[in-house]
PDB file of all heavy atoms in Angstrom:
ATOM      1  N   LEU A   1     -67.727 -38.060   4.166  1.00  0.00           N
ATOM      2  CA  LEU A   1     -67.854 -39.314   3.432  1.00  0.00           C
ATOM      3  C   LEU A   1     -68.162 -39.080   1.957  1.00  0.00           C
ATOM      4  O   LEU A   1     -67.632 -39.771   1.090  1.00  0.00           O
ATOM      5  CB  LEU A   1     -68.922 -40.199   4.063  1.00  0.00           C
ATOM      6  CG  LEU A   1     -68.591 -40.739   5.457  1.00  0.00           C
ATOM      7  CD1 LEU A   1     -69.788 -41.483   6.040  1.00  0.00           C
ATOM      8  CD2 LEU A   1     -67.375 -41.622   5.424  1.00  0.00           C
ATOM      9  N   ALA A   2     -68.997 -38.092   1.666  1.00  0.00           N
ATOM     10  CA  ALA A   2     -69.341 -37.800   0.270  1.00  0.00           C
ATOM     11  C   ALA A   2     -68.110 -37.340  -0.506  1.00  0.00           C
ATOM     12  O   ALA A   2     -67.905 -37.753  -1.656  1.00  0.00           O
ATOM     13  CB  ALA A   2     -70.434 -36.739   0.206  1.00  0.00           C
ATOM     14  N   ALA A   3     -67.283 -36.505   0.108  1.00  0.00           N
ATOM     15  CA  ALA A   3     -66.062 -36.038  -0.572  1.00  0.00           C
ATOM     16  C   ALA A   3     -65.113 -37.197  -0.826  1.00  0.00           C
ATOM     17  O   ALA A   3     -64.540 -37.314  -1.918  1.00  0.00           O
ATOM     18  CB  ALA A   3     -65.384 -34.963   0.277  1.00  0.00           C
ATOM     19  N   VAL A   4     -64.946 -38.070   0.145  1.00  0.00           N
ATOM     20  CA  VAL A   4     -64.059 -39.227  -0.022  1.00  0.00           C
ATOM     21  C   VAL A   4     -64.619 -40.166  -1.089  1.00  0.00           C
ATOM     22  O   VAL A   4     -63.874 -40.672  -1.942  1.00  0.00           O
ATOM     23  CB  VAL A   4     -63.848 -39.955   1.320  1.00  0.00           C
ATOM     24  CG1 VAL A   4     -63.114 -41.267   1.127  1.00  0.00           C
ATOM     25  CG2 VAL A   4     -63.092 -39.061   2.300  1.00  0.00           C
ATOM     26  N   GLN A   5     -65.922 -40.398  -1.067  1.00  0.00           N
ATOM     27  CA  GLN A   5     -66.534 -41.268  -2.069  1.00  0.00           C
ATOM     28  C   GLN A   5     -66.355 -40.714  -3.481  1.00  0.00           C
ATOM     29  O   GLN A   5     -66.135 -41.467  -4.426  1.00  0.00           O
ATOM     30  CB  GLN A   5     -68.019 -41.481  -1.756  1.00  0.00           C
ATOM     31  CG  GLN A   5     -68.226 -42.385  -0.561  1.00  0.00           C
ATOM     32  CD  GLN A   5     -69.687 -42.435  -0.132  1.00  0.00           C
ATOM     33  OE1 GLN A   5     -70.483 -41.567  -0.455  1.00  0.00           O
ATOM     34  NE2 GLN A   5     -70.021 -43.486   0.613  1.00  0.00           N
ATOM     35  N   ALA A   6     -66.430 -39.403  -3.631  1.00  0.00           N
ATOM     36  CA  ALA A   6     -66.220 -38.795  -4.949  1.00  0.00           C
ATOM     37  C   ALA A   6     -64.804 -39.062  -5.440  1.00  0.00           C
ATOM     38  O   ALA A   6     -64.593 -39.391  -6.613  1.00  0.00           O
ATOM     39  CB  ALA A   6     -66.485 -37.293  -4.886  1.00  0.00           C
ATOM     40  N   HIS A   7     -63.829 -38.959  -4.544  1.00  0.00           N
ATOM     41  CA  HIS A   7     -62.444 -39.254  -4.925  1.00  0.00           C
ATOM     42  C   HIS A   7     -62.263 -40.733  -5.264  1.00  0.00           C
ATOM     43  O   HIS A   7     -61.529 -41.077  -6.194  1.00  0.00           O
ATOM     44  CB  HIS A   7     -61.480 -38.864  -3.799  1.00  0.00           C
ATOM     45  CG  HIS A   7     -61.138 -37.412  -3.792  1.00  0.00           C
ATOM     46  ND1 HIS A   7     -60.177 -36.868  -4.595  1.00  0.00           N
ATOM     47  CD2 HIS A   7     -61.645 -36.393  -3.064  1.00  0.00           C
ATOM     48  CE1 HIS A   7     -60.087 -35.574  -4.363  1.00  0.00           C
ATOM     49  NE2 HIS A   7     -60.979 -35.264  -3.444  1.00  0.00           N
ATOM     50  N   ILE A   8     -62.909 -41.606  -4.521  1.00  0.00           N
ATOM     51  CA  ILE A   8     -62.815 -43.045  -4.781  1.00  0.00           C
ATOM     52  C   ILE A   8     -63.377 -43.373  -6.167  1.00  0.00           C
ATOM     53  O   ILE A   8     -62.751 -44.083  -6.957  1.00  0.00           O
ATOM     54  CB  ILE A   8     -63.552 -43.861  -3.699  1.00  0.00           C
ATOM     55  CG1 ILE A   8     -62.782 -43.790  -2.381  1.00  0.00           C
ATOM     56  CG2 ILE A   8     -63.729 -45.312  -4.127  1.00  0.00           C
ATOM     57  CD1 ILE A   8     -63.537 -44.388  -1.196  1.00  0.00           C
ATOM     58  N   ILE A   9     -64.544 -42.835  -6.470  1.00  0.00           N
ATOM     59  CA  ILE A   9     -65.178 -43.106  -7.765  1.00  0.00           C
ATOM     60  C   ILE A   9     -64.323 -42.561  -8.904  1.00  0.00           C
ATOM     61  O   ILE A   9     -64.130 -43.226  -9.928  1.00  0.00           O
ATOM     62  CB  ILE A   9     -66.610 -42.523  -7.796  1.00  0.00           C
ATOM     63  CG1 ILE A   9     -67.496 -43.333  -6.846  1.00  0.00           C
ATOM     64  CG2 ILE A   9     -67.174 -42.535  -9.213  1.00  0.00           C
ATOM     65  CD1 ILE A   9     -68.842 -42.717  -6.578  1.00  0.00           C
ATOM     66  N   THR A  10     -63.788 -41.363  -8.732  1.00  0.00           N
ATOM     67  CA  THR A  10     -62.911 -40.782  -9.755  1.00  0.00           C
ATOM     68  C   THR A  10     -61.703 -41.676  -9.997  1.00  0.00           C
ATOM     69  O   THR A  10     -61.326 -41.954 -11.139  1.00  0.00           O
ATOM     70  CB  THR A  10     -62.452 -39.371  -9.337  1.00  0.00           C
ATOM     71  OG1 THR A  10     -63.609 -38.557  -9.168  1.00  0.00           O
ATOM     72  CG2 THR A  10     -61.533 -38.757 -10.369  1.00  0.00           C
ATOM     73  N   TYR A  11     -61.095 -42.147  -8.910  1.00  0.00           N
ATOM     74  CA  TYR A  11     -59.930 -43.025  -9.034  1.00  0.00           C
ATOM     75  C   TYR A  11     -60.304 -44.324  -9.738  1.00  0.00           C
ATOM     76  O   TYR A  11     -59.613 -44.758 -10.660  1.00  0.00           O
ATOM     77  CB  TYR A  11     -59.359 -43.322  -7.644  1.00  0.00           C
ATOM     78  CG  TYR A  11     -58.322 -44.414  -7.647  1.00  0.00           C
ATOM     79  CD1 TYR A  11     -57.026 -44.167  -8.100  1.00  0.00           C
ATOM     80  CD2 TYR A  11     -58.634 -45.698  -7.216  1.00  0.00           C
ATOM     81  CE1 TYR A  11     -56.076 -45.174  -8.122  1.00  0.00           C
ATOM     82  CE2 TYR A  11     -57.689 -46.708  -7.235  1.00  0.00           C
ATOM     83  CZ  TYR A  11     -56.408 -46.440  -7.683  1.00  0.00           C
ATOM     84  OH  TYR A  11     -55.472 -47.439  -7.704  1.00  0.00           O
ATOM     85  N   LEU A  12     -61.395 -44.938  -9.324  1.00  0.00           N
ATOM     86  CA  LEU A  12     -61.776 -46.234  -9.888  1.00  0.00           C
ATOM     87  C   LEU A  12     -62.163 -46.143 -11.358  1.00  0.00           C
ATOM     88  O   LEU A  12     -61.869 -47.045 -12.142  1.00  0.00           O
ATOM     89  CB  LEU A  12     -62.927 -46.846  -9.091  1.00  0.00           C
ATOM     90  CG  LEU A  12     -62.581 -47.303  -7.680  1.00  0.00           C
ATOM     91  CD1 LEU A  12     -63.830 -47.767  -6.957  1.00  0.00           C
ATOM     92  CD2 LEU A  12     -61.526 -48.389  -7.693  1.00  0.00           C
ATOM     93  N   LEU A  13     -62.811 -45.069 -11.746  1.00  0.00           N
ATOM     94  CA  LEU A  13     -63.283 -44.958 -13.117  1.00  0.00           C
ATOM     95  C   LEU A  13     -62.266 -44.358 -14.083  1.00  0.00           C
ATOM     96  O   LEU A  13     -62.203 -44.760 -15.242  1.00  0.00           O
ATOM     97  CB  LEU A  13     -64.564 -44.129 -13.177  1.00  0.00           C
ATOM     98  CG  LEU A  13     -65.808 -44.774 -12.578  1.00  0.00           C
ATOM     99  CD1 LEU A  13     -66.977 -43.802 -12.645  1.00  0.00           C
ATOM    100  CD2 LEU A  13     -66.143 -46.067 -13.295  1.00  0.00           C
ATOM    101  N   PHE A  14     -61.458 -43.413 -13.608  1.00  0.00           N
ATOM    102  CA  PHE A  14     -60.647 -42.654 -14.553  1.00  0.00           C
ATOM    103  C   PHE A  14     -59.135 -42.705 -14.325  1.00  0.00           C
ATOM    104  O   PHE A  14     -58.382 -42.458 -15.248  1.00  0.00           O
ATOM    105  CB  PHE A  14     -61.096 -41.188 -14.556  1.00  0.00           C
ATOM    106  CG  PHE A  14     -62.556 -41.033 -14.802  1.00  0.00           C
ATOM    107  CD1 PHE A  14     -63.388 -40.547 -13.814  1.00  0.00           C
ATOM    108  CD2 PHE A  14     -63.111 -41.386 -16.019  1.00  0.00           C
ATOM    109  CE1 PHE A  14     -64.754 -40.408 -14.036  1.00  0.00           C
ATOM    110  CE2 PHE A  14     -64.474 -41.249 -16.254  1.00  0.00           C
ATOM    111  CZ  PHE A  14     -65.294 -40.764 -15.260  1.00  0.00           C
ATOM    112  N   THR A  15     -58.697 -42.988 -13.127  1.00  0.00           N
ATOM    113  CA  THR A  15     -57.269 -42.916 -12.830  1.00  0.00           C
ATOM    114  C   THR A  15     -56.595 -44.275 -12.868  1.00  0.00           C
ATOM    115  O   THR A  15     -55.518 -44.417 -13.429  1.00  0.00           O
ATOM    116  CB  THR A  15     -57.048 -42.278 -11.446  1.00  0.00           C
ATOM    117  OG1 THR A  15     -57.718 -41.028 -11.406  1.00  0.00           O
ATOM    118  CG2 THR A  15     -55.579 -42.070 -11.170  1.00  0.00           C
ATOM    119  N   ARG A  16     -57.212 -45.227 -12.263  1.00  0.00           N
ATOM    120  CA  ARG A  16     -56.634 -46.569 -12.145  1.00  0.00           C
ATOM    121  C   ARG A  16     -56.372 -47.148 -13.528  1.00  0.00           C
ATOM    122  O   ARG A  16     -57.212 -47.088 -14.407  1.00  0.00           O
ATOM    123  CB  ARG A  16     -57.617 -47.442 -11.360  1.00  0.00           C
ATOM    124  CG  ARG A  16     -57.123 -48.788 -10.999  1.00  0.00           C
ATOM    125  CD  ARG A  16     -58.125 -49.421 -10.058  1.00  0.00           C
ATOM    126  NE  ARG A  16     -59.403 -49.656 -10.686  1.00  0.00           N
ATOM    127  CZ  ARG A  16     -59.917 -50.856 -10.911  1.00  0.00           C
ATOM    128  NH1 ARG A  16     -59.271 -51.921 -10.541  1.00  0.00           N
ATOM    129  NH2 ARG A  16     -61.082 -50.994 -11.486  1.00  0.00           N
ATOM    130  N   GLU A  17     -55.208 -47.732 -13.703  1.00  0.00           N
ATOM    131  CA  GLU A  17     -54.837 -48.304 -14.992  1.00  0.00           C
ATOM    132  C   GLU A  17     -55.318 -49.745 -15.092  1.00  0.00           C
ATOM    133  O   GLU A  17     -54.955 -50.591 -14.290  1.00  0.00           O
ATOM    134  CB  GLU A  17     -53.317 -48.256 -15.162  1.00  0.00           C
ATOM    135  CG  GLU A  17     -52.795 -46.853 -15.036  1.00  0.00           C
ATOM    136  CD  GLU A  17     -51.873 -46.486 -16.149  1.00  0.00           C
ATOM    137  OE1 GLU A  17     -51.601 -47.328 -17.005  1.00  0.00           O
ATOM    138  OE2 GLU A  17     -51.430 -45.340 -16.153  1.00  0.00           O
ATOM    139  N   THR A  18     -56.175 -49.997 -16.057  1.00  0.00           N
ATOM    140  CA  THR A  18     -56.684 -51.328 -16.332  1.00  0.00           C
ATOM    141  C   THR A  18     -57.205 -51.354 -17.753  1.00  0.00           C
ATOM    142  O   THR A  18     -57.539 -50.320 -18.325  1.00  0.00           O
ATOM    143  CB  THR A  18     -57.778 -51.743 -15.329  1.00  0.00           C
ATOM    144  OG1 THR A  18     -58.191 -53.063 -15.616  1.00  0.00           O
ATOM    145  CG2 THR A  18     -58.965 -50.818 -15.380  1.00  0.00           C
ATOM    146  N   GLU A  19     -57.299 -52.540 -18.305  1.00  0.00           N
ATOM    147  CA  GLU A  19     -57.783 -52.660 -19.687  1.00  0.00           C
ATOM    148  C   GLU A  19     -59.299 -52.868 -19.751  1.00  0.00           C
ATOM    149  O   GLU A  19     -59.872 -52.894 -20.828  1.00  0.00           O
ATOM    150  CB  GLU A  19     -57.062 -53.815 -20.382  1.00  0.00           C
ATOM    151  CG  GLU A  19     -55.587 -53.531 -20.563  1.00  0.00           C
ATOM    152  CD  GLU A  19     -54.862 -54.644 -21.281  1.00  0.00           C
ATOM    153  OE1 GLU A  19     -55.517 -55.516 -21.887  1.00  0.00           O
ATOM    154  OE2 GLU A  19     -53.630 -54.645 -21.239  1.00  0.00           O
ATOM    155  N   SER A  20     -59.931 -53.033 -18.623  1.00  0.00           N
ATOM    156  CA  SER A  20     -61.376 -53.248 -18.600  1.00  0.00           C
ATOM    157  C   SER A  20     -62.125 -51.956 -18.887  1.00  0.00           C
ATOM    158  O   SER A  20     -61.588 -50.866 -18.699  1.00  0.00           O
ATOM    159  CB  SER A  20     -61.815 -53.758 -17.217  1.00  0.00           C
ATOM    160  OG  SER A  20     -61.118 -54.917 -16.884  1.00  0.00           O
ATOM    161  N   THR A  21     -63.364 -52.084 -19.307  1.00  0.00           N
ATOM    162  CA  THR A  21     -64.194 -50.897 -19.486  1.00  0.00           C
ATOM    163  C   THR A  21     -64.560 -50.349 -18.110  1.00  0.00           C
ATOM    164  O   THR A  21     -64.371 -51.006 -17.094  1.00  0.00           O
ATOM    165  CB  THR A  21     -65.494 -51.242 -20.251  1.00  0.00           C
ATOM    166  OG1 THR A  21     -66.270 -52.110 -19.443  1.00  0.00           O
ATOM    167  CG2 THR A  21     -65.198 -51.865 -21.588  1.00  0.00           C
ATOM    168  N   HIS A  22     -65.107 -49.159 -18.092  1.00  0.00           N
ATOM    169  CA  HIS A  22     -65.432 -48.507 -16.821  1.00  0.00           C
ATOM    170  C   HIS A  22     -66.348 -49.354 -15.945  1.00  0.00           C
ATOM    171  O   HIS A  22     -66.105 -49.493 -14.755  1.00  0.00           O
ATOM    172  CB  HIS A  22     -66.075 -47.138 -17.073  1.00  0.00           C
ATOM    173  CG  HIS A  22     -65.148 -46.158 -17.704  1.00  0.00           C
ATOM    174  ND1 HIS A  22     -63.877 -45.919 -17.243  1.00  0.00           N
ATOM    175  CD2 HIS A  22     -65.306 -45.368 -18.789  1.00  0.00           C
ATOM    176  CE1 HIS A  22     -63.297 -45.012 -18.001  1.00  0.00           C
ATOM    177  NE2 HIS A  22     -64.141 -44.649 -18.948  1.00  0.00           N
ATOM    178  N   LEU A  23     -67.392 -49.911 -16.528  1.00  0.00           N
ATOM    179  CA  LEU A  23     -68.325 -50.706 -15.733  1.00  0.00           C
ATOM    180  C   LEU A  23     -67.680 -51.998 -15.258  1.00  0.00           C
ATOM    181  O   LEU A  23     -67.882 -52.412 -14.116  1.00  0.00           O
ATOM    182  CB  LEU A  23     -69.590 -50.998 -16.546  1.00  0.00           C
ATOM    183  CG  LEU A  23     -70.777 -51.531 -15.771  1.00  0.00           C
ATOM    184  CD1 LEU A  23     -71.100 -50.655 -14.578  1.00  0.00           C
ATOM    185  CD2 LEU A  23     -71.990 -51.643 -16.675  1.00  0.00           C
ATOM    186  N   GLU A  24     -66.882 -52.615 -16.098  1.00  0.00           N
ATOM    187  CA  GLU A  24     -66.195 -53.838 -15.692  1.00  0.00           C
ATOM    188  C   GLU A  24     -65.216 -53.572 -14.555  1.00  0.00           C
ATOM    189  O   GLU A  24     -65.011 -54.413 -13.695  1.00  0.00           O
ATOM    190  CB  GLU A  24     -65.450 -54.458 -16.883  1.00  0.00           C
ATOM    191  CG  GLU A  24     -66.364 -55.071 -17.921  1.00  0.00           C
ATOM    192  CD  GLU A  24     -65.599 -55.495 -19.171  1.00  0.00           C
ATOM    193  OE1 GLU A  24     -64.469 -55.005 -19.396  1.00  0.00           O
ATOM    194  OE2 GLU A  24     -66.147 -56.312 -19.921  1.00  0.00           O
ATOM    195  N   ARG A  25     -64.621 -52.393 -14.537  1.00  0.00           N
ATOM    196  CA  ARG A  25     -63.693 -52.027 -13.459  1.00  0.00           C
ATOM    197  C   ARG A  25     -64.369 -52.118 -12.101  1.00  0.00           C
ATOM    198  O   ARG A  25     -63.800 -52.625 -11.150  1.00  0.00           O
ATOM    199  CB  ARG A  25     -63.190 -50.595 -13.646  1.00  0.00           C
ATOM    200  CG  ARG A  25     -62.248 -50.402 -14.771  1.00  0.00           C
ATOM    201  CD  ARG A  25     -61.835 -48.952 -14.822  1.00  0.00           C
ATOM    202  NE  ARG A  25     -61.047 -48.703 -16.016  1.00  0.00           N
ATOM    203  CZ  ARG A  25     -60.466 -47.566 -16.285  1.00  0.00           C
ATOM    204  NH1 ARG A  25     -60.581 -46.555 -15.461  1.00  0.00           N
ATOM    205  NH2 ARG A  25     -59.766 -47.419 -17.377  1.00  0.00           N
ATOM    206  N   LEU A  26     -65.571 -51.609 -12.033  1.00  0.00           N
ATOM    207  CA  LEU A  26     -66.277 -51.589 -10.753  1.00  0.00           C
ATOM    208  C   LEU A  26     -66.789 -52.971 -10.349  1.00  0.00           C
ATOM    209  O   LEU A  26     -66.857 -53.285  -9.168  1.00  0.00           O
ATOM    210  CB  LEU A  26     -67.441 -50.594 -10.810  1.00  0.00           C
ATOM    211  CG  LEU A  26     -67.044 -49.143 -11.002  1.00  0.00           C
ATOM    212  CD1 LEU A  26     -68.284 -48.271 -11.086  1.00  0.00           C
ATOM    213  CD2 LEU A  26     -66.129 -48.664  -9.887  1.00  0.00           C
ATOM    214  N   CYS A  27     -67.137 -53.780 -11.303  1.00  0.00           N
ATOM    215  CA  CYS A  27     -67.686 -55.104 -11.002  1.00  0.00           C
ATOM    216  C   CYS A  27     -66.626 -56.098 -10.535  1.00  0.00           C
ATOM    217  O   CYS A  27     -66.951 -57.087  -9.899  1.00  0.00           O
ATOM    218  CB  CYS A  27     -68.407 -55.668 -12.226  1.00  0.00           C
ATOM    219  SG  CYS A  27     -69.873 -54.736 -12.681  1.00  0.00           S
ATOM    220  N   ARG A  28     -65.378 -55.847 -10.831  1.00  0.00           N
ATOM    221  CA  ARG A  28     -64.311 -56.798 -10.524  1.00  0.00           C
ATOM    222  C   ARG A  28     -63.422 -56.369  -9.365  1.00  0.00           C
ATOM    223  O   ARG A  28     -62.318 -56.850  -9.229  1.00  0.00           O
ATOM    224  CB  ARG A  28     -63.450 -57.002 -11.757  1.00  0.00           C
ATOM    225  CG  ARG A  28     -64.192 -57.670 -12.878  1.00  0.00           C
ATOM    226  CD  ARG A  28     -63.259 -57.966 -14.000  1.00  0.00           C
ATOM    227  NE  ARG A  28     -64.002 -58.614 -15.074  1.00  0.00           N
ATOM    228  CZ  ARG A  28     -63.576 -58.690 -16.303  1.00  0.00           C
ATOM    229  NH1 ARG A  28     -62.429 -58.167 -16.635  1.00  0.00           N
ATOM    230  NH2 ARG A  28     -64.299 -59.300 -17.217  1.00  0.00           N
ATOM    231  N   LEU A  29     -63.885 -55.480  -8.531  1.00  0.00           N
ATOM    232  CA  LEU A  29     -63.062 -54.983  -7.429  1.00  0.00           C
ATOM    233  C   LEU A  29     -62.983 -55.989  -6.292  1.00  0.00           C
ATOM    234  O   LEU A  29     -63.988 -56.480  -5.811  1.00  0.00           O
ATOM    235  CB  LEU A  29     -63.642 -53.693  -6.861  1.00  0.00           C
ATOM    236  CG  LEU A  29     -63.384 -52.425  -7.627  1.00  0.00           C
ATOM    237  CD1 LEU A  29     -64.001 -51.257  -6.915  1.00  0.00           C
ATOM    238  CD2 LEU A  29     -61.917 -52.202  -7.839  1.00  0.00           C
ATOM    239  N   GLY A  30     -61.769 -56.239  -5.838  1.00  0.00           N
ATOM    240  CA  GLY A  30     -61.564 -57.082  -4.672  1.00  0.00           C
ATOM    241  C   GLY A  30     -61.313 -56.217  -3.446  1.00  0.00           C
ATOM    242  O   GLY A  30     -61.233 -54.986  -3.531  1.00  0.00           O
ATOM    243  N   GLN A  31     -61.146 -56.847  -2.290  1.00  0.00           N
ATOM    244  CA  GLN A  31     -60.917 -56.124  -1.039  1.00  0.00           C
ATOM    245  C   GLN A  31     -59.644 -55.274  -1.103  1.00  0.00           C
ATOM    246  O   GLN A  31     -59.626 -54.148  -0.638  1.00  0.00           O
ATOM    247  CB  GLN A  31     -60.827 -57.108   0.131  1.00  0.00           C
ATOM    248  CG  GLN A  31     -62.145 -57.743   0.505  1.00  0.00           C
ATOM    249  CD  GLN A  31     -63.093 -56.727   1.105  1.00  0.00           C
ATOM    250  OE1 GLN A  31     -62.687 -55.828   1.833  1.00  0.00           O
ATOM    251  NE2 GLN A  31     -64.366 -56.870   0.806  1.00  0.00           N
ATOM    252  N   TRP A  32     -58.582 -55.847  -1.675  1.00  0.00           N
ATOM    253  CA  TRP A  32     -57.318 -55.118  -1.732  1.00  0.00           C
ATOM    254  C   TRP A  32     -57.467 -53.861  -2.589  1.00  0.00           C
ATOM    255  O   TRP A  32     -57.003 -52.780  -2.204  1.00  0.00           O
ATOM    256  CB  TRP A  32     -56.212 -56.017  -2.287  1.00  0.00           C
ATOM    257  CG  TRP A  32     -54.880 -55.349  -2.277  1.00  0.00           C
ATOM    258  CD1 TRP A  32     -54.017 -55.255  -1.223  1.00  0.00           C
ATOM    259  CD2 TRP A  32     -54.276 -54.620  -3.357  1.00  0.00           C
ATOM    260  NE1 TRP A  32     -52.904 -54.536  -1.589  1.00  0.00           N
ATOM    261  CE2 TRP A  32     -53.038 -54.134  -2.901  1.00  0.00           C
ATOM    262  CE3 TRP A  32     -54.656 -54.351  -4.662  1.00  0.00           C
ATOM    263  CZ2 TRP A  32     -52.180 -53.393  -3.701  1.00  0.00           C
ATOM    264  CZ3 TRP A  32     -53.803 -53.608  -5.465  1.00  0.00           C
ATOM    265  CH2 TRP A  32     -52.577 -53.148  -4.978  1.00  0.00           C
ATOM    266  N   GLU A  33     -58.127 -53.995  -3.741  1.00  0.00           N
ATOM    267  CA  GLU A  33     -58.319 -52.839  -4.622  1.00  0.00           C
ATOM    268  C   GLU A  33     -59.205 -51.789  -3.973  1.00  0.00           C
ATOM    269  O   GLU A  33     -58.990 -50.589  -4.161  1.00  0.00           O
ATOM    270  CB  GLU A  33     -58.927 -53.280  -5.946  1.00  0.00           C
ATOM    271  CG  GLU A  33     -57.962 -54.047  -6.824  1.00  0.00           C
ATOM    272  CD  GLU A  33     -58.620 -54.511  -8.103  1.00  0.00           C
ATOM    273  OE1 GLU A  33     -59.619 -55.251  -8.012  1.00  0.00           O
ATOM    274  OE2 GLU A  33     -58.137 -54.136  -9.179  1.00  0.00           O
ATOM    275  N   GLN A  34     -60.189 -52.217  -3.209  1.00  0.00           N
ATOM    276  CA  GLN A  34     -61.027 -51.258  -2.495  1.00  0.00           C
ATOM    277  C   GLN A  34     -60.202 -50.474  -1.480  1.00  0.00           C
ATOM    278  O   GLN A  34     -60.348 -49.260  -1.352  1.00  0.00           O
ATOM    279  CB  GLN A  34     -62.170 -51.985  -1.795  1.00  0.00           C
ATOM    280  CG  GLN A  34     -63.199 -52.558  -2.732  1.00  0.00           C
ATOM    281  CD  GLN A  34     -64.242 -53.381  -2.006  1.00  0.00           C
ATOM    282  OE1 GLN A  34     -64.463 -53.235  -0.808  1.00  0.00           O
ATOM    283  NE2 GLN A  34     -64.895 -54.273  -2.737  1.00  0.00           N
ATOM    284  N   GLY A  35     -59.326 -51.170  -0.773  1.00  0.00           N
ATOM    285  CA  GLY A  35     -58.445 -50.498   0.183  1.00  0.00           C
ATOM    286  C   GLY A  35     -57.500 -49.525  -0.489  1.00  0.00           C
ATOM    287  O   GLY A  35     -57.258 -48.417   0.012  1.00  0.00           O
ATOM    288  N   GLN A  36     -56.976 -49.913  -1.658  1.00  0.00           N
ATOM    289  CA  GLN A  36     -56.092 -49.026  -2.407  1.00  0.00           C
ATOM    290  C   GLN A  36     -56.839 -47.778  -2.876  1.00  0.00           C
ATOM    291  O   GLN A  36     -56.292 -46.675  -2.855  1.00  0.00           O
ATOM    292  CB  GLN A  36     -55.478 -49.760  -3.602  1.00  0.00           C
ATOM    293  CG  GLN A  36     -54.468 -50.801  -3.208  1.00  0.00           C
ATOM    294  CD  GLN A  36     -53.316 -50.207  -2.437  1.00  0.00           C
ATOM    295  OE1 GLN A  36     -53.251 -50.304  -1.212  1.00  0.00           O
ATOM    296  NE2 GLN A  36     -52.422 -49.575  -3.117  1.00  0.00           N
ATOM    297  N   ALA A  37     -58.062 -47.960  -3.320  1.00  0.00           N
ATOM    298  CA  ALA A  37     -58.871 -46.819  -3.762  1.00  0.00           C
ATOM    299  C   ALA A  37     -59.126 -45.863  -2.600  1.00  0.00           C
ATOM    300  O   ALA A  37     -59.036 -44.638  -2.763  1.00  0.00           O
ATOM    301  CB  ALA A  37     -60.189 -47.303  -4.363  1.00  0.00           C
ATOM    302  N   LEU A  38     -59.425 -46.416  -1.430  1.00  0.00           N
ATOM    303  CA  LEU A  38     -59.649 -45.580  -0.253  1.00  0.00           C
ATOM    304  C   LEU A  38     -58.366 -44.853   0.140  1.00  0.00           C
ATOM    305  O   LEU A  38     -58.390 -43.656   0.417  1.00  0.00           O
ATOM    306  CB  LEU A  38     -60.172 -46.419   0.911  1.00  0.00           C
ATOM    307  CG  LEU A  38     -60.404 -45.682   2.227  1.00  0.00           C
ATOM    308  CD1 LEU A  38     -61.390 -44.532   2.057  1.00  0.00           C
ATOM    309  CD2 LEU A  38     -60.881 -46.652   3.300  1.00  0.00           C
ATOM    310  N   ALA A  39     -57.246 -45.572   0.149  1.00  0.00           N
ATOM    311  CA  ALA A  39     -55.961 -44.951   0.504  1.00  0.00           C
ATOM    312  C   ALA A  39     -55.622 -43.817  -0.459  1.00  0.00           C
ATOM    313  O   ALA A  39     -55.163 -42.742  -0.048  1.00  0.00           O
ATOM    314  CB  ALA A  39     -54.854 -45.998   0.521  1.00  0.00           C
ATOM    315  N   THR A  40     -55.856 -44.034  -1.741  1.00  0.00           N
ATOM    316  CA  THR A  40     -55.587 -43.002  -2.741  1.00  0.00           C
ATOM    317  C   THR A  40     -56.476 -41.790  -2.517  1.00  0.00           C
ATOM    318  O   THR A  40     -56.013 -40.645  -2.555  1.00  0.00           O
ATOM    319  CB  THR A  40     -55.799 -43.564  -4.160  1.00  0.00           C
ATOM    320  OG1 THR A  40     -54.908 -44.662  -4.354  1.00  0.00           O
ATOM    321  CG2 THR A  40     -55.550 -42.505  -5.225  1.00  0.00           C
TER     322      THR A  40
END
């Protein structure tokens, strides 16, 4: 779980393309985006 969580956080903060700041990215996550982050 820790390894998967590290990949999820990396994807959400640095890989995913969005115009929001890093903190805003995490605050605006919906269910679909969470699933995409897990799949990635």
